[in-house]
């Protein structure tokens, strides 16, 4: 009888192998068949065609399986919202999965199951936002607090200076009633309007 421990270890190894082989398939397609876009539908075709052989396949196996798949259907297939959700969920789970049972601070197999159930109720936009958060968190994780602070400062958006349209000339401003000039000032600030009046813009 297989213990829960053994089952968990087997499931963890299977998940890791599936992720590794999926990445290997992506690399193979990018290198040998860049005209074929990778996606949930294509991955499903490969897994259903190869079954257990998927977990040990190399480039020669991918090529052989590809000849058995109707890639015309795959290329024309537009993912449904459910397929898009499934792909996003799998991508997120791959990125947050622990490789040592949770000791590295990532999700153990039990936590991954709970997370999968939780995310199954999310929309595509919510899953996309979650994936972006995971990617950004993992990108920043190796950095020190000082490095992160410097990066935030460097990426801080500078306030955009509003510019009057060229057709709003100083002559036109001078001819405006005071109520229209006040509207311009509210929309563009007094300094921008004054710059146009005095020929500085």
N, C-alpha and C. Protein backbone atom coordinates (compact mmCIF):
# COMPACT_ATOMS: atom_id res chain seq x y z
N UNK A 1 0.85 -1.20 0.00
CA UNK A 1 0.00 0.00 0.00
C UNK A 1 0.88 1.25 0.00
N UNK A 2 0.57 2.16 -0.88
CA UNK A 2 1.37 3.40 -0.99
C UNK A 2 0.96 4.39 0.09
N UNK A 3 1.93 4.93 0.81
CA UNK A 3 1.63 5.89 1.87
C UNK A 3 1.31 7.25 1.27
N UNK A 4 0.69 8.10 2.09
CA UNK A 4 0.38 9.47 1.64
C UNK A 4 1.64 10.23 1.31
N UNK A 5 2.70 9.94 2.08
CA UNK A 5 3.99 10.59 1.82
C UNK A 5 4.50 10.24 0.43
N UNK A 6 4.45 8.93 0.11
CA UNK A 6 4.93 8.50 -1.21
C UNK A 6 4.07 9.07 -2.33
N UNK A 7 2.76 9.11 -2.11
CA UNK A 7 1.85 9.67 -3.11
C UNK A 7 2.15 11.14 -3.35
N UNK A 8 2.39 11.88 -2.24
CA UNK A 8 2.70 13.31 -2.36
C UNK A 8 4.01 13.52 -3.10
N UNK A 9 5.02 12.70 -2.78
CA UNK A 9 6.31 12.83 -3.46
C UNK A 9 6.19 12.49 -4.95
N UNK A 10 5.41 11.46 -5.26
CA UNK A 10 5.21 11.08 -6.66
C UNK A 10 4.48 12.17 -7.43
N UNK A 11 3.45 12.75 -6.78
CA UNK A 11 2.69 13.82 -7.43
C UNK A 11 3.55 15.05 -7.64
N UNK A 12 4.40 15.36 -6.66
CA UNK A 12 5.30 16.51 -6.78
C UNK A 12 6.29 16.30 -7.91
N UNK A 13 6.85 15.08 -7.99
CA UNK A 13 7.80 14.77 -9.06
C UNK A 13 7.13 14.83 -10.42
N UNK A 14 5.90 14.34 -10.49
CA UNK A 14 5.16 14.36 -11.75
C UNK A 14 4.88 15.81 -12.20
N UNK A 15 4.48 16.66 -11.24
CA UNK A 15 4.21 18.07 -11.55
C UNK A 15 5.47 18.77 -12.05
N UNK A 16 6.59 18.51 -11.38
CA UNK A 16 7.85 19.13 -11.78
C UNK A 16 8.28 18.63 -13.16
N UNK A 17 8.09 17.33 -13.41
CA UNK A 17 8.48 16.77 -14.71
C UNK A 17 7.59 17.32 -15.82
N UNK A 18 6.30 17.46 -15.52
CA UNK A 18 5.37 18.02 -16.51
C UNK A 18 5.78 19.45 -16.87
N UNK A 19 6.12 20.24 -15.85
CA UNK A 19 6.54 21.62 -16.10
C UNK A 19 7.82 21.66 -16.93
N UNK A 20 8.77 20.78 -16.60
CA UNK A 20 10.04 20.75 -17.32
C UNK A 20 9.83 20.35 -18.78
N UNK A 21 9.00 19.34 -19.01
CA UNK A 21 8.75 18.88 -20.37
C UNK A 21 7.94 19.89 -21.17
N UNK A 22 7.06 20.59 -20.51
CA UNK A 22 6.30 21.64 -21.20
C UNK A 22 7.25 22.74 -21.68
N UNK A 23 8.21 23.12 -20.83
CA UNK A 23 9.20 24.12 -21.24
C UNK A 23 10.08 23.59 -22.37
N UNK A 24 10.41 22.29 -22.31
CA UNK A 24 11.22 21.68 -23.38
C UNK A 24 10.45 21.71 -24.70
N UNK A 25 9.16 21.45 -24.65
CA UNK A 25 8.33 21.49 -25.86
C UNK A 25 8.26 22.91 -26.42
N UNK A 26 8.13 23.89 -25.54
CA UNK A 26 8.11 25.30 -25.98
C UNK A 26 9.42 25.65 -26.70
N UNK A 27 10.54 25.22 -26.11
CA UNK A 27 11.84 25.52 -26.72
C UNK A 27 11.97 24.85 -28.08
N UNK A 28 11.52 23.60 -28.16
CA UNK A 28 11.59 22.87 -29.43
C UNK A 28 10.77 23.58 -30.51
N UNK A 29 9.55 23.99 -30.18
CA UNK A 29 8.71 24.67 -31.16
C UNK A 29 9.31 26.01 -31.57
N UNK A 30 9.84 26.76 -30.60
CA UNK A 30 10.45 28.04 -30.91
C UNK A 30 11.66 27.91 -31.81
N UNK A 31 12.40 26.82 -31.63
CA UNK A 31 13.61 26.60 -32.41
C UNK A 31 13.32 25.98 -33.78
N UNK A 32 12.45 24.97 -33.80
CA UNK A 32 12.23 24.20 -35.03
C UNK A 32 10.98 24.59 -35.80
N UNK A 33 9.97 25.13 -35.09
CA UNK A 33 8.70 25.47 -35.75
C UNK A 33 8.16 26.79 -35.21
N UNK A 34 8.87 27.89 -35.45
CA UNK A 34 8.41 29.17 -34.90
C UNK A 34 7.06 29.62 -35.47
N UNK A 35 6.64 29.01 -36.57
CA UNK A 35 5.36 29.38 -37.17
C UNK A 35 4.18 28.80 -36.39
N UNK A 36 4.44 27.87 -35.47
CA UNK A 36 3.38 27.24 -34.69
C UNK A 36 3.37 27.87 -33.29
N UNK A 37 2.26 28.47 -32.94
CA UNK A 37 2.14 29.13 -31.64
C UNK A 37 1.81 28.11 -30.55
N UNK A 38 2.56 28.19 -29.44
CA UNK A 38 2.30 27.29 -28.32
C UNK A 38 1.09 27.79 -27.54
N UNK A 39 0.27 26.86 -27.06
CA UNK A 39 -0.88 27.22 -26.25
C UNK A 39 -1.49 25.99 -25.61
N UNK A 40 -2.59 26.20 -24.86
CA UNK A 40 -3.25 25.10 -24.16
C UNK A 40 -3.71 24.02 -25.13
N UNK A 41 -4.29 24.44 -26.27
CA UNK A 41 -4.82 23.46 -27.23
C UNK A 41 -3.71 22.57 -27.78
N UNK A 42 -2.57 23.18 -28.10
CA UNK A 42 -1.46 22.40 -28.66
C UNK A 42 -0.86 21.47 -27.61
N UNK A 43 -0.68 21.98 -26.39
CA UNK A 43 -0.15 21.14 -25.31
C UNK A 43 -1.06 19.93 -25.08
N UNK A 44 -2.36 20.19 -25.11
CA UNK A 44 -3.32 19.10 -24.93
C UNK A 44 -3.19 18.06 -26.03
N UNK A 45 -3.00 18.53 -27.27
CA UNK A 45 -2.83 17.61 -28.40
C UNK A 45 -1.59 16.73 -28.20
N UNK A 46 -0.49 17.33 -27.79
CA UNK A 46 0.74 16.57 -27.57
C UNK A 46 0.55 15.54 -26.45
N UNK A 47 -0.05 15.96 -25.34
CA UNK A 47 -0.20 15.05 -24.21
C UNK A 47 -1.14 13.90 -24.54
N UNK A 48 -2.22 14.18 -25.26
CA UNK A 48 -3.16 13.12 -25.62
C UNK A 48 -2.57 12.19 -26.67
N UNK A 49 -1.71 12.72 -27.54
CA UNK A 49 -1.08 11.89 -28.56
C UNK A 49 0.01 11.00 -27.97
N UNK A 50 0.79 11.56 -27.04
CA UNK A 50 1.97 10.85 -26.53
C UNK A 50 1.72 10.09 -25.24
N UNK A 51 0.68 10.49 -24.49
CA UNK A 51 0.38 9.86 -23.19
C UNK A 51 1.63 9.88 -22.30
N UNK A 52 2.02 8.72 -21.75
CA UNK A 52 3.14 8.69 -20.82
C UNK A 52 4.47 9.05 -21.45
N UNK A 53 4.59 8.88 -22.78
CA UNK A 53 5.85 9.19 -23.45
C UNK A 53 6.17 10.68 -23.40
N UNK A 54 5.16 11.49 -23.11
CA UNK A 54 5.37 12.94 -23.03
C UNK A 54 6.42 13.28 -21.97
N UNK A 55 6.45 12.50 -20.89
CA UNK A 55 7.31 12.82 -19.74
C UNK A 55 8.78 12.50 -19.98
N UNK A 56 9.08 11.77 -21.05
CA UNK A 56 10.48 11.43 -21.34
C UNK A 56 10.89 11.85 -22.75
N UNK A 57 10.06 12.64 -23.42
CA UNK A 57 10.28 12.97 -24.83
C UNK A 57 11.47 13.90 -25.02
N UNK A 58 12.12 13.75 -26.19
CA UNK A 58 13.16 14.69 -26.61
C UNK A 58 12.72 15.30 -27.94
N UNK A 59 13.61 16.08 -28.58
CA UNK A 59 13.23 16.79 -29.79
C UNK A 59 12.75 15.85 -30.90
N UNK A 60 13.40 14.68 -31.02
CA UNK A 60 13.00 13.72 -32.06
C UNK A 60 11.58 13.22 -31.80
N UNK A 61 11.24 13.02 -30.53
CA UNK A 61 9.89 12.57 -30.17
C UNK A 61 8.87 13.66 -30.44
N UNK A 62 9.23 14.92 -30.12
CA UNK A 62 8.31 16.03 -30.40
C UNK A 62 8.01 16.10 -31.90
N UNK A 63 9.06 15.96 -32.70
CA UNK A 63 8.90 16.04 -34.15
C UNK A 63 7.99 14.92 -34.66
N UNK A 64 8.20 13.73 -34.16
CA UNK A 64 7.39 12.59 -34.59
C UNK A 64 5.92 12.80 -34.20
N UNK A 65 5.69 13.25 -32.97
CA UNK A 65 4.32 13.49 -32.51
C UNK A 65 3.66 14.61 -33.30
N UNK A 66 4.47 15.64 -33.63
CA UNK A 66 3.92 16.77 -34.37
C UNK A 66 3.37 16.34 -35.72
N UNK A 67 4.02 15.36 -36.35
CA UNK A 67 3.55 14.86 -37.64
C UNK A 67 2.21 14.13 -37.52
N UNK A 68 1.85 13.74 -36.31
CA UNK A 68 0.58 13.05 -36.09
C UNK A 68 -0.54 14.00 -35.70
N UNK A 69 -0.18 15.26 -35.45
CA UNK A 69 -1.16 16.24 -34.96
C UNK A 69 -1.60 17.15 -36.11
N UNK A 70 -2.87 17.44 -36.14
CA UNK A 70 -3.40 18.37 -37.15
C UNK A 70 -3.12 19.79 -36.68
N UNK A 71 -1.92 20.29 -37.00
CA UNK A 71 -1.53 21.62 -36.52
C UNK A 71 -2.32 22.73 -37.20
N UNK A 72 -2.94 22.45 -38.33
CA UNK A 72 -3.78 23.47 -38.95
C UNK A 72 -4.93 23.84 -38.02
N UNK A 73 -5.51 22.79 -37.38
CA UNK A 73 -6.58 23.07 -36.41
C UNK A 73 -6.04 23.85 -35.23
N UNK A 74 -4.86 23.44 -34.76
CA UNK A 74 -4.28 24.08 -33.58
C UNK A 74 -4.01 25.55 -33.84
N UNK A 75 -3.44 25.88 -35.02
CA UNK A 75 -3.11 27.27 -35.33
C UNK A 75 -4.35 28.13 -35.49
N UNK A 76 -5.45 27.55 -35.99
CA UNK A 76 -6.65 28.32 -36.21
C UNK A 76 -7.52 28.41 -34.96
N UNK A 77 -7.25 27.55 -34.00
CA UNK A 77 -8.09 27.49 -32.82
C UNK A 77 -7.89 28.72 -31.95
N UNK A 78 -9.00 29.39 -31.62
CA UNK A 78 -8.96 30.53 -30.72
C UNK A 78 -9.33 30.03 -29.33
N UNK A 79 -8.44 30.18 -28.36
CA UNK A 79 -8.73 29.66 -27.02
C UNK A 79 -10.03 30.24 -26.45
N UNK A 80 -10.82 29.37 -25.83
CA UNK A 80 -12.02 29.81 -25.14
C UNK A 80 -11.60 30.46 -23.82
N UNK A 81 -12.49 31.20 -23.17
CA UNK A 81 -12.15 31.76 -21.87
C UNK A 81 -11.72 30.68 -20.87
N UNK A 82 -12.35 29.51 -20.93
CA UNK A 82 -11.98 28.44 -20.02
C UNK A 82 -10.57 27.93 -20.31
N UNK A 83 -10.21 27.84 -21.58
CA UNK A 83 -8.85 27.41 -21.94
C UNK A 83 -7.83 28.45 -21.52
N UNK A 84 -8.18 29.72 -21.70
CA UNK A 84 -7.27 30.79 -21.27
C UNK A 84 -7.08 30.75 -19.76
N UNK A 85 -8.18 30.52 -19.03
CA UNK A 85 -8.08 30.41 -17.57
C UNK A 85 -7.20 29.23 -17.18
N UNK A 86 -7.41 28.09 -17.85
CA UNK A 86 -6.63 26.90 -17.53
C UNK A 86 -5.15 27.14 -17.75
N UNK A 87 -4.80 27.81 -18.86
CA UNK A 87 -3.40 28.08 -19.15
C UNK A 87 -2.80 29.03 -18.12
N UNK A 88 -3.55 30.05 -17.74
CA UNK A 88 -3.06 31.00 -16.74
C UNK A 88 -2.86 30.31 -15.39
N UNK A 89 -3.83 29.48 -15.01
CA UNK A 89 -3.72 28.77 -13.73
C UNK A 89 -2.49 27.87 -13.70
N UNK A 90 -2.28 27.11 -14.80
CA UNK A 90 -1.12 26.22 -14.85
C UNK A 90 0.19 27.01 -14.78
N UNK A 91 0.23 28.14 -15.48
CA UNK A 91 1.44 28.97 -15.47
C UNK A 91 1.72 29.50 -14.07
N UNK A 92 0.68 29.97 -13.40
CA UNK A 92 0.84 30.49 -12.04
C UNK A 92 1.32 29.39 -11.09
N UNK A 93 0.67 28.22 -11.18
CA UNK A 93 1.04 27.12 -10.29
C UNK A 93 2.47 26.66 -10.51
N UNK A 94 2.91 26.65 -11.77
CA UNK A 94 4.29 26.28 -12.07
C UNK A 94 5.27 27.24 -11.41
N UNK A 95 4.91 28.53 -11.39
CA UNK A 95 5.83 29.53 -10.87
C UNK A 95 5.88 29.55 -9.34
N UNK A 96 4.76 29.16 -8.70
CA UNK A 96 4.73 29.24 -7.23
C UNK A 96 4.96 27.89 -6.57
N UNK A 97 5.17 26.84 -7.38
CA UNK A 97 5.35 25.50 -6.82
C UNK A 97 6.70 25.36 -6.12
N UNK A 98 6.67 24.74 -4.96
CA UNK A 98 7.90 24.48 -4.21
C UNK A 98 8.62 23.26 -4.77
N UNK A 99 9.92 23.26 -4.67
CA UNK A 99 10.71 22.11 -5.12
C UNK A 99 11.19 21.26 -3.94
N UNK A 100 10.85 21.71 -2.72
CA UNK A 100 11.30 20.95 -1.55
C UNK A 100 10.24 20.90 -0.46
N UNK A 101 8.99 20.76 -0.90
CA UNK A 101 7.91 20.59 0.08
C UNK A 101 7.54 21.83 0.85
N UNK A 102 7.88 23.01 0.33
CA UNK A 102 7.50 24.26 0.97
C UNK A 102 8.60 24.91 1.77
N UNK A 103 9.75 24.26 1.89
CA UNK A 103 10.85 24.82 2.69
C UNK A 103 11.45 26.07 2.04
N UNK A 104 11.25 26.21 0.73
CA UNK A 104 11.80 27.38 0.04
C UNK A 104 10.84 28.57 0.07
N UNK A 105 9.76 28.44 0.85
CA UNK A 105 8.81 29.54 0.96
C UNK A 105 7.74 29.54 -0.10
N UNK A 106 7.80 28.58 -1.02
CA UNK A 106 6.77 28.49 -2.05
C UNK A 106 5.69 27.49 -1.63
N UNK A 107 4.76 27.21 -2.55
CA UNK A 107 3.60 26.39 -2.21
C UNK A 107 3.91 24.90 -2.27
N UNK A 108 3.52 24.17 -1.22
CA UNK A 108 3.63 22.72 -1.22
C UNK A 108 2.52 22.14 -2.10
N UNK A 109 2.54 20.83 -2.32
CA UNK A 109 1.51 20.20 -3.15
C UNK A 109 0.12 20.40 -2.58
N UNK A 110 -0.02 20.31 -1.26
CA UNK A 110 -1.33 20.51 -0.64
C UNK A 110 -1.81 21.94 -0.84
N UNK A 111 -0.90 22.88 -0.66
CA UNK A 111 -1.27 24.29 -0.86
C UNK A 111 -1.61 24.59 -2.31
N UNK A 112 -0.89 23.92 -3.22
CA UNK A 112 -1.17 24.12 -4.64
C UNK A 112 -2.58 23.65 -5.00
N UNK A 113 -3.01 22.55 -4.41
CA UNK A 113 -4.36 22.05 -4.66
C UNK A 113 -5.40 23.07 -4.22
N UNK A 114 -5.19 23.64 -3.04
CA UNK A 114 -6.11 24.66 -2.52
C UNK A 114 -6.11 25.90 -3.41
N UNK A 115 -4.90 26.29 -3.84
CA UNK A 115 -4.77 27.48 -4.69
C UNK A 115 -5.44 27.25 -6.04
N UNK A 116 -5.32 26.04 -6.57
CA UNK A 116 -5.97 25.73 -7.85
C UNK A 116 -7.49 25.88 -7.74
N UNK A 117 -8.05 25.34 -6.65
CA UNK A 117 -9.50 25.44 -6.43
C UNK A 117 -9.92 26.90 -6.30
N UNK A 118 -9.13 27.67 -5.53
CA UNK A 118 -9.46 29.08 -5.31
C UNK A 118 -9.43 29.86 -6.62
N UNK A 119 -8.39 29.63 -7.43
CA UNK A 119 -8.25 30.39 -8.68
C UNK A 119 -9.23 29.95 -9.75
N UNK A 120 -9.81 28.76 -9.61
CA UNK A 120 -10.75 28.28 -10.62
C UNK A 120 -11.99 29.16 -10.69
N UNK A 121 -12.24 29.94 -9.65
CA UNK A 121 -13.41 30.83 -9.61
C UNK A 121 -13.08 32.24 -10.09
N UNK A 122 -11.84 32.48 -10.48
CA UNK A 122 -11.43 33.81 -10.90
C UNK A 122 -11.67 34.01 -12.39
N UNK A 123 -11.72 35.28 -12.77
CA UNK A 123 -11.86 35.63 -14.20
C UNK A 123 -10.48 35.65 -14.85
N UNK A 124 -10.45 35.74 -16.18
CA UNK A 124 -9.19 35.81 -16.91
C UNK A 124 -8.39 37.04 -16.48
N UNK A 125 -9.06 38.17 -16.32
CA UNK A 125 -8.36 39.40 -15.93
C UNK A 125 -7.77 39.28 -14.52
N UNK A 126 -8.51 38.64 -13.62
CA UNK A 126 -7.99 38.45 -12.26
C UNK A 126 -6.79 37.51 -12.25
N UNK A 127 -6.86 36.46 -13.08
CA UNK A 127 -5.73 35.53 -13.16
C UNK A 127 -4.51 36.21 -13.79
N UNK A 128 -4.75 37.03 -14.80
CA UNK A 128 -3.66 37.76 -15.44
C UNK A 128 -2.97 38.69 -14.45
N UNK A 129 -3.78 39.36 -13.64
CA UNK A 129 -3.24 40.26 -12.62
C UNK A 129 -2.43 39.48 -11.59
N UNK A 130 -2.93 38.31 -11.20
CA UNK A 130 -2.23 37.46 -10.23
C UNK A 130 -0.89 36.99 -10.81
N UNK A 131 -0.90 36.58 -12.09
CA UNK A 131 0.35 36.14 -12.73
C UNK A 131 1.36 37.28 -12.76
N UNK A 132 0.91 38.47 -13.11
CA UNK A 132 1.82 39.63 -13.14
C UNK A 132 2.41 39.90 -11.75
N UNK A 133 1.58 39.74 -10.72
CA UNK A 133 2.06 39.95 -9.35
C UNK A 133 3.13 38.93 -8.98
N UNK A 134 2.89 37.67 -9.35
CA UNK A 134 3.85 36.60 -9.04
C UNK A 134 5.17 36.85 -9.75
N UNK A 135 5.08 37.19 -11.05
CA UNK A 135 6.29 37.44 -11.84
C UNK A 135 7.08 38.60 -11.26
N UNK A 136 6.38 39.67 -10.90
CA UNK A 136 7.05 40.86 -10.36
C UNK A 136 7.66 40.56 -8.99
N UNK A 137 6.95 39.82 -8.15
CA UNK A 137 7.46 39.47 -6.82
C UNK A 137 8.72 38.62 -6.94
N UNK A 138 8.71 37.66 -7.86
CA UNK A 138 9.87 36.79 -8.02
C UNK A 138 11.04 37.55 -8.66
N UNK A 139 10.74 38.54 -9.47
CA UNK A 139 11.81 39.35 -10.06
C UNK A 139 12.49 40.21 -8.99
N UNK A 140 11.71 40.71 -8.04
CA UNK A 140 12.26 41.59 -7.02
C UNK A 140 12.87 40.82 -5.85
N UNK A 141 12.49 39.55 -5.67
CA UNK A 141 12.91 38.79 -4.51
C UNK A 141 14.42 38.77 -4.26
N UNK A 142 15.25 38.59 -5.31
CA UNK A 142 16.70 38.55 -5.05
C UNK A 142 17.30 39.92 -4.74
N UNK A 143 16.56 40.98 -4.97
CA UNK A 143 17.10 42.33 -4.80
C UNK A 143 17.01 42.77 -3.34
N UNK A 144 17.93 43.65 -2.96
CA UNK A 144 17.90 44.21 -1.62
C UNK A 144 16.87 45.34 -1.56
N UNK A 145 16.55 45.76 -0.33
CA UNK A 145 15.59 46.85 -0.17
C UNK A 145 16.10 48.11 -0.86
N UNK A 146 17.40 48.35 -0.75
CA UNK A 146 18.00 49.53 -1.38
C UNK A 146 17.88 49.48 -2.90
N UNK A 147 18.12 48.32 -3.47
CA UNK A 147 18.02 48.17 -4.92
C UNK A 147 16.59 48.39 -5.40
N UNK A 148 15.63 47.85 -4.64
CA UNK A 148 14.22 48.03 -5.00
C UNK A 148 13.84 49.50 -4.93
N UNK A 149 14.32 50.18 -3.87
CA UNK A 149 14.00 51.61 -3.71
C UNK A 149 14.59 52.42 -4.87
N UNK A 150 15.82 52.09 -5.26
CA UNK A 150 16.45 52.80 -6.38
C UNK A 150 15.68 52.57 -7.68
N UNK A 151 15.22 51.33 -7.87
CA UNK A 151 14.47 51.01 -9.09
C UNK A 151 13.14 51.76 -9.13
N UNK A 152 12.48 51.82 -7.97
CA UNK A 152 11.21 52.55 -7.91
C UNK A 152 11.41 54.03 -8.22
N UNK A 153 12.50 54.59 -7.69
CA UNK A 153 12.79 56.00 -7.94
C UNK A 153 13.06 56.23 -9.43
N UNK A 154 13.84 55.31 -10.03
CA UNK A 154 14.18 55.45 -11.45
C UNK A 154 12.97 55.33 -12.35
N UNK A 155 12.01 54.49 -11.93
CA UNK A 155 10.83 54.24 -12.75
C UNK A 155 9.66 55.17 -12.42
N UNK A 156 9.88 56.02 -11.43
CA UNK A 156 8.79 56.92 -11.04
C UNK A 156 8.43 57.83 -12.22
N UNK A 157 7.17 57.86 -12.54
CA UNK A 157 6.73 58.67 -13.68
C UNK A 157 6.84 60.15 -13.35
N UNK A 158 7.46 60.87 -14.25
CA UNK A 158 7.54 62.32 -14.10
C UNK A 158 6.19 62.93 -14.48
N UNK A 159 5.74 63.93 -13.73
CA UNK A 159 4.45 64.54 -14.08
C UNK A 159 4.52 65.15 -15.49
N UNK A 160 3.50 64.85 -16.28
CA UNK A 160 3.47 65.35 -17.65
C UNK A 160 3.01 66.81 -17.68
N UNK A 161 3.79 67.62 -18.37
CA UNK A 161 3.43 69.03 -18.50
C UNK A 161 2.43 69.19 -19.63
N UNK A 162 1.31 69.80 -19.30
CA UNK A 162 0.30 70.01 -20.33
C UNK A 162 0.75 71.11 -21.28
N UNK A 163 0.42 70.93 -22.55
CA UNK A 163 0.81 71.89 -23.58
C UNK A 163 -0.43 72.36 -24.32
N UNK A 164 -0.51 73.65 -24.49
CA UNK A 164 -1.65 74.20 -25.24
C UNK A 164 -1.56 73.81 -26.70
N UNK A 165 -2.67 73.49 -27.32
CA UNK A 165 -2.65 73.20 -28.76
C UNK A 165 -2.13 74.42 -29.53
N UNK A 166 -1.46 74.17 -30.65
CA UNK A 166 -0.87 75.29 -31.40
C UNK A 166 -1.89 76.31 -31.89
N UNK A 167 -3.15 75.87 -32.07
CA UNK A 167 -4.16 76.82 -32.57
C UNK A 167 -4.59 77.82 -31.50
N UNK A 168 -4.22 77.56 -30.23
CA UNK A 168 -4.53 78.53 -29.17
C UNK A 168 -3.37 79.52 -29.11
N UNK A 169 -3.39 80.50 -29.97
CA UNK A 169 -2.31 81.50 -30.04
C UNK A 169 -2.50 82.57 -28.97
N UNK A 170 -1.44 83.38 -28.77
CA UNK A 170 -1.56 84.44 -27.78
C UNK A 170 -2.61 85.47 -28.20
N UNK A 171 -2.73 85.69 -29.52
CA UNK A 171 -3.75 86.61 -30.00
C UNK A 171 -5.14 86.10 -29.69
N UNK A 172 -5.32 84.78 -29.87
CA UNK A 172 -6.63 84.20 -29.60
C UNK A 172 -6.96 84.26 -28.11
N UNK A 173 -5.93 84.03 -27.26
CA UNK A 173 -6.16 84.11 -25.82
C UNK A 173 -6.56 85.52 -25.41
N UNK A 174 -5.86 86.51 -25.98
CA UNK A 174 -6.16 87.91 -25.64
C UNK A 174 -7.56 88.30 -26.06
N UNK A 175 -8.07 87.65 -27.11
CA UNK A 175 -9.41 87.97 -27.60
C UNK A 175 -10.51 87.23 -26.85
N UNK A 176 -10.11 86.29 -26.00
CA UNK A 176 -11.11 85.50 -25.27
C UNK A 176 -11.74 86.29 -24.13
N UNK A 177 -12.99 86.02 -23.81
CA UNK A 177 -13.58 86.60 -22.60
C UNK A 177 -12.92 85.99 -21.38
N UNK A 178 -13.00 86.66 -20.26
CA UNK A 178 -12.32 86.21 -19.05
C UNK A 178 -12.79 84.82 -18.61
N UNK A 179 -14.06 84.48 -18.86
CA UNK A 179 -14.57 83.17 -18.46
C UNK A 179 -13.86 82.05 -19.22
N UNK A 180 -13.56 82.28 -20.53
CA UNK A 180 -12.86 81.28 -21.33
C UNK A 180 -11.41 81.14 -20.90
N UNK A 181 -10.80 82.28 -20.54
CA UNK A 181 -9.41 82.24 -20.07
C UNK A 181 -9.32 81.45 -18.77
N UNK A 182 -10.32 81.63 -17.88
CA UNK A 182 -10.31 80.87 -16.62
C UNK A 182 -10.43 79.36 -16.89
N UNK A 183 -11.22 79.00 -17.89
CA UNK A 183 -11.34 77.59 -18.27
C UNK A 183 -10.00 77.04 -18.75
N UNK A 184 -9.29 77.86 -19.56
CA UNK A 184 -7.97 77.43 -20.04
C UNK A 184 -7.02 77.21 -18.88
N UNK A 185 -7.05 78.13 -17.92
CA UNK A 185 -6.15 78.04 -16.77
C UNK A 185 -6.45 76.79 -15.96
N UNK A 186 -7.77 76.50 -15.78
CA UNK A 186 -8.14 75.29 -15.02
C UNK A 186 -7.67 74.03 -15.75
N UNK A 187 -7.74 74.07 -17.07
CA UNK A 187 -7.38 72.88 -17.86
C UNK A 187 -5.87 72.73 -18.02
N UNK A 188 -5.14 73.85 -18.16
CA UNK A 188 -3.71 73.76 -18.51
C UNK A 188 -2.77 74.39 -17.47
N UNK A 189 -3.27 75.01 -16.45
CA UNK A 189 -2.56 75.76 -15.41
C UNK A 189 -2.19 77.16 -15.90
N UNK A 190 -2.04 78.07 -14.94
CA UNK A 190 -1.76 79.47 -15.25
C UNK A 190 -0.40 79.65 -15.92
N UNK A 191 0.59 78.88 -15.48
CA UNK A 191 1.94 79.04 -16.05
C UNK A 191 1.96 78.68 -17.53
N UNK A 192 1.22 77.63 -17.92
CA UNK A 192 1.19 77.23 -19.33
C UNK A 192 0.52 78.32 -20.17
N UNK A 193 -0.58 78.87 -19.67
CA UNK A 193 -1.27 79.94 -20.41
C UNK A 193 -0.39 81.17 -20.50
N UNK A 194 0.30 81.54 -19.41
CA UNK A 194 1.18 82.71 -19.41
C UNK A 194 2.35 82.52 -20.37
N UNK A 195 2.88 81.28 -20.43
CA UNK A 195 3.98 81.01 -21.35
C UNK A 195 3.56 81.28 -22.80
N UNK A 196 2.32 80.90 -23.12
CA UNK A 196 1.85 81.16 -24.49
C UNK A 196 1.64 82.66 -24.71
N UNK A 197 1.11 83.34 -23.72
CA UNK A 197 0.84 84.78 -23.84
C UNK A 197 2.13 85.57 -24.04
N UNK A 198 3.20 85.14 -23.39
CA UNK A 198 4.47 85.88 -23.46
C UNK A 198 5.46 85.26 -24.44
N UNK A 199 4.95 84.36 -25.30
CA UNK A 199 5.78 83.82 -26.37
C UNK A 199 6.81 82.82 -25.92
N UNK A 200 6.63 82.20 -24.75
CA UNK A 200 7.61 81.24 -24.26
C UNK A 200 7.29 79.79 -24.66
N UNK A 201 6.19 79.60 -25.38
CA UNK A 201 5.83 78.25 -25.83
C UNK A 201 5.08 78.33 -27.16
